[in-house]
Amino acid sequence: MNLKENFPFKVREGSEKLVRVTASASDKIFRLIERESKGGFLRIRITGGGCNGLSYKMKFTTEPRDGDIFVLSEGVKVLVDTKTALYLRGTTLEYSDKLVAGGFKFNNPNAKASCSCGESFNL
């Protein structure tokens, strides 16, 4: 994907060194994109909140924003804002369909502690 041709604003190209999507997560993301019909990009954000201070947020969107970092991993078009990128570097997004402790999980090497549900962390 040529970012300069496709978007009139500034989008930087990143790599899987920022965030990597596993094959199982990719499969689930593509099924959700098809079902939700809200856009073909997965936006990952880190916001304040959760029981450990920071939490992960994911949503589908139709296009990048000015300043976003674009990563293509396992065919998934991931968008990350520059602030989130500071905390996300080296993270792997995994998915498990297990009934107990299943769902999307972020394996973030920067996290010093995380809650048992895996949805929040601190540095």
N, C-alpha and C. Protein backbone atom coordinates (compact mmCIF):
# COMPACT_ATOMS: atom_id res chain seq x y z
N MET A 1 0.85 -1.18 0.00
CA MET A 1 0.00 0.00 0.00
C MET A 1 0.90 1.24 0.00
N ASN A 2 0.72 2.11 -0.97
CA ASN A 2 1.48 3.33 -1.04
C ASN A 2 0.71 4.41 -0.28
N LEU A 3 1.22 4.77 0.90
CA LEU A 3 0.51 5.69 1.77
C LEU A 3 0.39 7.09 1.18
N LYS A 4 1.44 7.55 0.50
CA LYS A 4 1.42 8.90 -0.05
C LYS A 4 0.38 9.05 -1.16
N GLU A 5 0.14 8.01 -1.93
CA GLU A 5 -0.85 8.06 -3.00
C GLU A 5 -2.28 7.94 -2.47
N ASN A 6 -2.46 7.19 -1.39
CA ASN A 6 -3.81 6.89 -0.91
C ASN A 6 -4.39 7.92 0.07
N PHE A 7 -3.53 8.69 0.74
CA PHE A 7 -4.03 9.61 1.75
C PHE A 7 -3.42 10.99 1.57
N PRO A 8 -4.25 12.03 1.61
CA PRO A 8 -3.76 13.39 1.38
C PRO A 8 -3.05 14.00 2.59
N PHE A 9 -3.04 13.30 3.72
CA PHE A 9 -2.40 13.84 4.91
C PHE A 9 -1.22 12.97 5.31
N LYS A 10 -0.52 13.39 6.31
CA LYS A 10 0.72 12.74 6.71
C LYS A 10 0.45 11.47 7.53
N VAL A 11 0.81 10.34 6.96
CA VAL A 11 0.73 9.04 7.63
C VAL A 11 2.10 8.40 7.49
N ARG A 12 2.67 7.98 8.60
CA ARG A 12 3.98 7.34 8.56
C ARG A 12 3.82 5.83 8.50
N GLU A 13 4.76 5.19 7.84
CA GLU A 13 4.73 3.73 7.76
C GLU A 13 5.60 3.16 8.87
N GLY A 14 5.00 2.27 9.66
CA GLY A 14 5.72 1.60 10.73
C GLY A 14 5.96 0.15 10.36
N SER A 15 6.43 -0.61 11.32
CA SER A 15 6.71 -2.03 11.08
C SER A 15 6.18 -2.86 12.24
N GLU A 16 6.35 -4.16 12.12
CA GLU A 16 5.91 -5.06 13.18
C GLU A 16 6.77 -4.92 14.44
N LYS A 17 7.81 -4.09 14.39
CA LYS A 17 8.55 -3.79 15.62
C LYS A 17 7.70 -2.94 16.56
N LEU A 18 6.73 -2.25 16.01
CA LEU A 18 5.81 -1.46 16.82
C LEU A 18 4.70 -2.36 17.37
N VAL A 19 3.99 -3.03 16.48
CA VAL A 19 2.91 -3.93 16.89
C VAL A 19 2.81 -5.05 15.86
N ARG A 20 2.64 -6.27 16.38
CA ARG A 20 2.52 -7.45 15.51
C ARG A 20 1.21 -8.15 15.83
N VAL A 21 0.51 -8.55 14.78
CA VAL A 21 -0.75 -9.27 14.91
C VAL A 21 -0.49 -10.74 14.61
N THR A 22 -0.93 -11.63 15.49
CA THR A 22 -0.75 -13.06 15.24
C THR A 22 -1.78 -13.54 14.22
N ALA A 23 -1.57 -14.73 13.68
CA ALA A 23 -2.49 -15.30 12.69
C ALA A 23 -3.88 -15.49 13.28
N SER A 24 -3.97 -15.94 14.52
CA SER A 24 -5.30 -16.14 15.13
C SER A 24 -6.02 -14.81 15.33
N ALA A 25 -5.29 -13.77 15.72
CA ALA A 25 -5.90 -12.45 15.88
C ALA A 25 -6.34 -11.90 14.53
N SER A 26 -5.52 -12.11 13.51
CA SER A 26 -5.84 -11.66 12.16
C SER A 26 -7.14 -12.29 11.67
N ASP A 27 -7.28 -13.59 11.85
CA ASP A 27 -8.50 -14.29 11.43
C ASP A 27 -9.74 -13.67 12.09
N LYS A 28 -9.66 -13.45 13.40
CA LYS A 28 -10.79 -12.88 14.13
C LYS A 28 -11.06 -11.44 13.69
N ILE A 29 -10.02 -10.65 13.49
CA ILE A 29 -10.18 -9.26 13.07
C ILE A 29 -10.88 -9.19 11.71
N PHE A 30 -10.49 -10.04 10.76
CA PHE A 30 -11.14 -10.02 9.45
C PHE A 30 -12.61 -10.43 9.54
N ARG A 31 -12.93 -11.37 10.42
CA ARG A 31 -14.34 -11.74 10.61
C ARG A 31 -15.13 -10.58 11.21
N LEU A 32 -14.51 -9.87 12.15
CA LEU A 32 -15.18 -8.72 12.76
C LEU A 32 -15.34 -7.56 11.78
N ILE A 33 -14.34 -7.32 10.95
CA ILE A 33 -14.43 -6.27 9.93
C ILE A 33 -15.60 -6.54 9.01
N GLU A 34 -15.73 -7.79 8.60
CA GLU A 34 -16.83 -8.17 7.72
C GLU A 34 -18.19 -8.00 8.42
N ARG A 35 -18.27 -8.41 9.66
CA ARG A 35 -19.53 -8.36 10.40
C ARG A 35 -19.91 -6.93 10.78
N GLU A 36 -18.95 -6.15 11.23
CA GLU A 36 -19.23 -4.79 11.73
C GLU A 36 -19.42 -3.77 10.62
N SER A 37 -18.73 -3.92 9.51
CA SER A 37 -18.81 -2.99 8.37
C SER A 37 -18.58 -1.54 8.80
N LYS A 38 -17.55 -1.31 9.63
CA LYS A 38 -17.24 0.04 10.09
C LYS A 38 -15.91 0.55 9.56
N GLY A 39 -15.28 -0.19 8.66
CA GLY A 39 -14.01 0.24 8.09
C GLY A 39 -12.99 -0.87 8.11
N GLY A 40 -12.00 -0.75 7.27
CA GLY A 40 -11.01 -1.80 7.10
C GLY A 40 -9.71 -1.59 7.86
N PHE A 41 -9.65 -0.53 8.70
CA PHE A 41 -8.46 -0.29 9.51
C PHE A 41 -8.77 -0.59 10.96
N LEU A 42 -7.80 -1.16 11.68
CA LEU A 42 -7.93 -1.39 13.11
C LEU A 42 -7.12 -0.33 13.83
N ARG A 43 -7.80 0.53 14.58
CA ARG A 43 -7.11 1.56 15.36
C ARG A 43 -6.87 1.01 16.76
N ILE A 44 -5.62 1.06 17.22
CA ILE A 44 -5.26 0.66 18.58
C ILE A 44 -4.82 1.91 19.33
N ARG A 45 -5.42 2.12 20.50
CA ARG A 45 -5.07 3.27 21.33
C ARG A 45 -4.82 2.81 22.76
N ILE A 46 -4.00 3.58 23.44
CA ILE A 46 -3.82 3.37 24.87
C ILE A 46 -4.33 4.64 25.54
N THR A 47 -5.23 4.45 26.51
CA THR A 47 -5.81 5.58 27.22
C THR A 47 -5.64 5.39 28.72
N GLY A 48 -5.81 6.47 29.46
CA GLY A 48 -5.80 6.37 30.91
C GLY A 48 -7.04 5.65 31.38
N GLY A 49 -6.89 4.82 32.39
CA GLY A 49 -8.04 4.12 32.94
C GLY A 49 -7.73 2.68 33.24
N GLY A 50 -8.72 1.96 33.66
CA GLY A 50 -8.54 0.56 34.03
C GLY A 50 -7.97 0.45 35.44
N CYS A 51 -7.88 -0.74 35.95
CA CYS A 51 -7.44 -0.93 37.33
C CYS A 51 -5.94 -0.75 37.50
N ASN A 52 -5.17 -0.66 36.41
CA ASN A 52 -3.73 -0.47 36.52
C ASN A 52 -3.24 0.85 35.93
N GLY A 53 -4.14 1.72 35.52
CA GLY A 53 -3.73 3.05 35.08
C GLY A 53 -3.82 3.31 33.58
N LEU A 54 -3.54 2.32 32.75
CA LEU A 54 -3.61 2.46 31.30
C LEU A 54 -4.40 1.29 30.73
N SER A 55 -5.17 1.55 29.68
CA SER A 55 -5.93 0.46 29.07
C SER A 55 -5.88 0.53 27.55
N TYR A 56 -6.06 -0.61 26.94
CA TYR A 56 -6.04 -0.74 25.48
C TYR A 56 -7.45 -0.52 24.94
N LYS A 57 -7.52 0.17 23.81
CA LYS A 57 -8.79 0.37 23.11
C LYS A 57 -8.59 -0.01 21.65
N MET A 58 -9.56 -0.68 21.07
CA MET A 58 -9.50 -1.04 19.66
C MET A 58 -10.84 -0.68 19.02
N LYS A 59 -10.77 -0.17 17.80
CA LYS A 59 -11.99 0.07 17.04
C LYS A 59 -11.65 0.07 15.55
N PHE A 60 -12.67 -0.15 14.74
CA PHE A 60 -12.48 -0.12 13.29
C PHE A 60 -12.76 1.28 12.78
N THR A 61 -12.03 1.69 11.76
CA THR A 61 -12.20 3.00 11.18
C THR A 61 -11.99 2.92 9.67
N THR A 62 -12.49 3.92 8.97
CA THR A 62 -12.43 3.90 7.50
C THR A 62 -11.13 4.45 6.94
N GLU A 63 -10.44 5.30 7.71
CA GLU A 63 -9.19 5.87 7.19
C GLU A 63 -8.31 6.39 8.33
N PRO A 64 -7.03 6.58 8.03
CA PRO A 64 -6.10 7.11 9.04
C PRO A 64 -6.37 8.58 9.32
N ARG A 65 -5.75 9.05 10.40
CA ARG A 65 -5.75 10.47 10.75
C ARG A 65 -4.36 11.03 10.50
N ASP A 66 -4.29 12.32 10.39
CA ASP A 66 -3.01 12.99 10.22
C ASP A 66 -2.08 12.63 11.38
N GLY A 67 -0.89 12.17 11.06
CA GLY A 67 0.09 11.80 12.08
C GLY A 67 0.07 10.34 12.50
N ASP A 68 -0.89 9.56 12.02
CA ASP A 68 -0.95 8.14 12.38
C ASP A 68 0.26 7.38 11.87
N ILE A 69 0.52 6.28 12.53
CA ILE A 69 1.52 5.32 12.08
C ILE A 69 0.75 4.10 11.57
N PHE A 70 1.06 3.68 10.35
CA PHE A 70 0.38 2.56 9.70
C PHE A 70 1.29 1.34 9.74
N VAL A 71 0.76 0.22 10.21
CA VAL A 71 1.50 -1.05 10.24
C VAL A 71 0.64 -2.11 9.57
N LEU A 72 1.23 -2.83 8.64
CA LEU A 72 0.55 -3.96 8.01
C LEU A 72 1.13 -5.23 8.63
N SER A 73 0.28 -6.00 9.32
CA SER A 73 0.73 -7.22 9.99
C SER A 73 -0.29 -8.32 9.78
N GLU A 74 0.13 -9.43 9.21
CA GLU A 74 -0.77 -10.56 8.91
C GLU A 74 -1.96 -10.10 8.07
N GLY A 75 -1.73 -9.10 7.22
CA GLY A 75 -2.79 -8.58 6.36
C GLY A 75 -3.68 -7.54 7.02
N VAL A 76 -3.55 -7.35 8.33
CA VAL A 76 -4.36 -6.39 9.07
C VAL A 76 -3.72 -5.01 8.95
N LYS A 77 -4.54 -4.01 8.61
CA LYS A 77 -4.10 -2.63 8.51
C LYS A 77 -4.31 -1.96 9.86
N VAL A 78 -3.21 -1.81 10.60
CA VAL A 78 -3.26 -1.27 11.96
C VAL A 78 -2.87 0.21 11.95
N LEU A 79 -3.61 1.02 12.69
CA LEU A 79 -3.30 2.44 12.86
C LEU A 79 -3.01 2.72 14.32
N VAL A 80 -1.94 3.48 14.56
CA VAL A 80 -1.54 3.83 15.92
C VAL A 80 -1.18 5.31 15.93
N ASP A 81 -1.68 6.06 16.91
CA ASP A 81 -1.28 7.46 17.02
C ASP A 81 0.10 7.52 17.68
N THR A 82 0.78 8.65 17.55
CA THR A 82 2.17 8.75 18.01
C THR A 82 2.29 8.62 19.53
N LYS A 83 1.32 9.08 20.28
CA LYS A 83 1.37 8.95 21.74
C LYS A 83 1.27 7.48 22.15
N THR A 84 0.34 6.76 21.54
CA THR A 84 0.19 5.33 21.83
C THR A 84 1.44 4.55 21.45
N ALA A 85 2.09 4.94 20.36
CA ALA A 85 3.28 4.23 19.89
C ALA A 85 4.37 4.19 20.95
N LEU A 86 4.45 5.22 21.78
CA LEU A 86 5.47 5.25 22.84
C LEU A 86 5.31 4.08 23.82
N TYR A 87 4.08 3.69 24.07
CA TYR A 87 3.78 2.62 25.03
C TYR A 87 3.64 1.24 24.39
N LEU A 88 3.44 1.22 23.08
CA LEU A 88 3.08 -0.02 22.39
C LEU A 88 4.27 -0.78 21.81
N ARG A 89 5.37 -0.12 21.62
CA ARG A 89 6.52 -0.70 20.91
C ARG A 89 6.84 -2.13 21.34
N GLY A 90 6.84 -3.05 20.37
CA GLY A 90 7.17 -4.45 20.63
C GLY A 90 5.99 -5.31 21.05
N THR A 91 4.79 -4.77 21.00
CA THR A 91 3.59 -5.49 21.47
C THR A 91 3.08 -6.47 20.43
N THR A 92 2.59 -7.60 20.89
CA THR A 92 1.94 -8.59 20.04
C THR A 92 0.47 -8.67 20.42
N LEU A 93 -0.39 -8.61 19.41
CA LEU A 93 -1.84 -8.77 19.63
C LEU A 93 -2.21 -10.20 19.29
N GLU A 94 -2.72 -10.90 20.28
CA GLU A 94 -3.08 -12.31 20.12
C GLU A 94 -4.59 -12.48 20.31
N TYR A 95 -5.10 -13.62 19.89
CA TYR A 95 -6.51 -13.93 20.10
C TYR A 95 -6.66 -15.40 20.46
N SER A 96 -7.54 -15.66 21.43
CA SER A 96 -7.87 -17.02 21.82
C SER A 96 -9.38 -17.14 21.88
N ASP A 97 -9.91 -18.25 21.37
CA ASP A 97 -11.36 -18.46 21.42
C ASP A 97 -11.78 -19.33 22.59
N LYS A 98 -10.91 -19.49 23.58
CA LYS A 98 -11.24 -20.26 24.77
C LYS A 98 -12.36 -19.59 25.54
N LEU A 99 -13.20 -20.38 26.18
CA LEU A 99 -14.31 -19.84 26.96
C LEU A 99 -13.82 -19.08 28.18
N VAL A 100 -12.80 -19.59 28.83
CA VAL A 100 -12.23 -18.92 30.00
C VAL A 100 -10.93 -18.26 29.57
N ALA A 101 -10.80 -16.98 29.86
CA ALA A 101 -9.61 -16.19 29.52
C ALA A 101 -9.38 -16.08 28.02
N GLY A 102 -10.45 -16.16 27.24
CA GLY A 102 -10.32 -16.00 25.79
C GLY A 102 -10.47 -14.55 25.39
N GLY A 103 -10.36 -14.30 24.09
CA GLY A 103 -10.49 -12.96 23.55
C GLY A 103 -9.15 -12.41 23.10
N PHE A 104 -9.12 -11.11 22.81
CA PHE A 104 -7.89 -10.46 22.40
C PHE A 104 -7.02 -10.20 23.62
N LYS A 105 -5.73 -10.42 23.46
CA LYS A 105 -4.76 -10.17 24.53
C LYS A 105 -3.57 -9.42 23.94
N PHE A 106 -3.12 -8.41 24.65
CA PHE A 106 -1.93 -7.66 24.27
C PHE A 106 -0.76 -8.18 25.09
N ASN A 107 0.28 -8.62 24.41
CA ASN A 107 1.51 -9.03 25.08
C ASN A 107 2.49 -7.87 24.90
N ASN A 108 2.57 -7.00 25.91
CA ASN A 108 3.34 -5.77 25.83
C ASN A 108 4.60 -5.89 26.70
N PRO A 109 5.79 -5.91 26.08
CA PRO A 109 7.01 -6.05 26.85
C PRO A 109 7.34 -4.82 27.70
N ASN A 110 6.66 -3.71 27.47
CA ASN A 110 6.90 -2.47 28.23
C ASN A 110 6.12 -2.43 29.53
N ALA A 111 5.11 -3.27 29.67
CA ALA A 111 4.26 -3.25 30.86
C ALA A 111 5.00 -3.84 32.05
N LYS A 112 4.98 -3.10 33.15
CA LYS A 112 5.61 -3.58 34.38
C LYS A 112 4.64 -4.45 35.17
N ALA A 113 3.36 -4.15 35.04
CA ALA A 113 2.32 -4.92 35.72
C ALA A 113 1.04 -4.82 34.91
N SER A 114 0.21 -5.85 34.99
CA SER A 114 -1.09 -5.79 34.33
C SER A 114 -2.11 -6.49 35.21
N CYS A 115 -3.37 -6.20 34.95
CA CYS A 115 -4.42 -6.82 35.74
C CYS A 115 -4.67 -8.25 35.22
N SER A 116 -5.42 -9.00 35.97
CA SER A 116 -5.64 -10.39 35.59
C SER A 116 -6.44 -10.54 34.31
N CYS A 117 -7.27 -9.55 33.99
CA CYS A 117 -8.06 -9.65 32.76
C CYS A 117 -7.24 -9.26 31.53
N GLY A 118 -6.08 -8.62 31.72
CA GLY A 118 -5.22 -8.26 30.60
C GLY A 118 -5.64 -7.02 29.85
N GLU A 119 -6.62 -6.30 30.37
CA GLU A 119 -7.11 -5.11 29.66
C GLU A 119 -6.48 -3.83 30.13
N SER A 120 -5.75 -3.84 31.24
CA SER A 120 -5.07 -2.63 31.68
C SER A 120 -3.68 -3.00 32.20
N PHE A 121 -2.82 -1.98 32.23
CA PHE A 121 -1.42 -2.21 32.62
C PHE A 121 -0.84 -0.90 33.13
N ASN A 122 0.39 -0.98 33.65
CA ASN A 122 1.12 0.24 33.98
C ASN A 122 2.58 0.06 33.59
N LEU A 123 3.27 1.18 33.52
CA LEU A 123 4.68 1.18 33.12
C LEU A 123 5.58 1.49 34.28
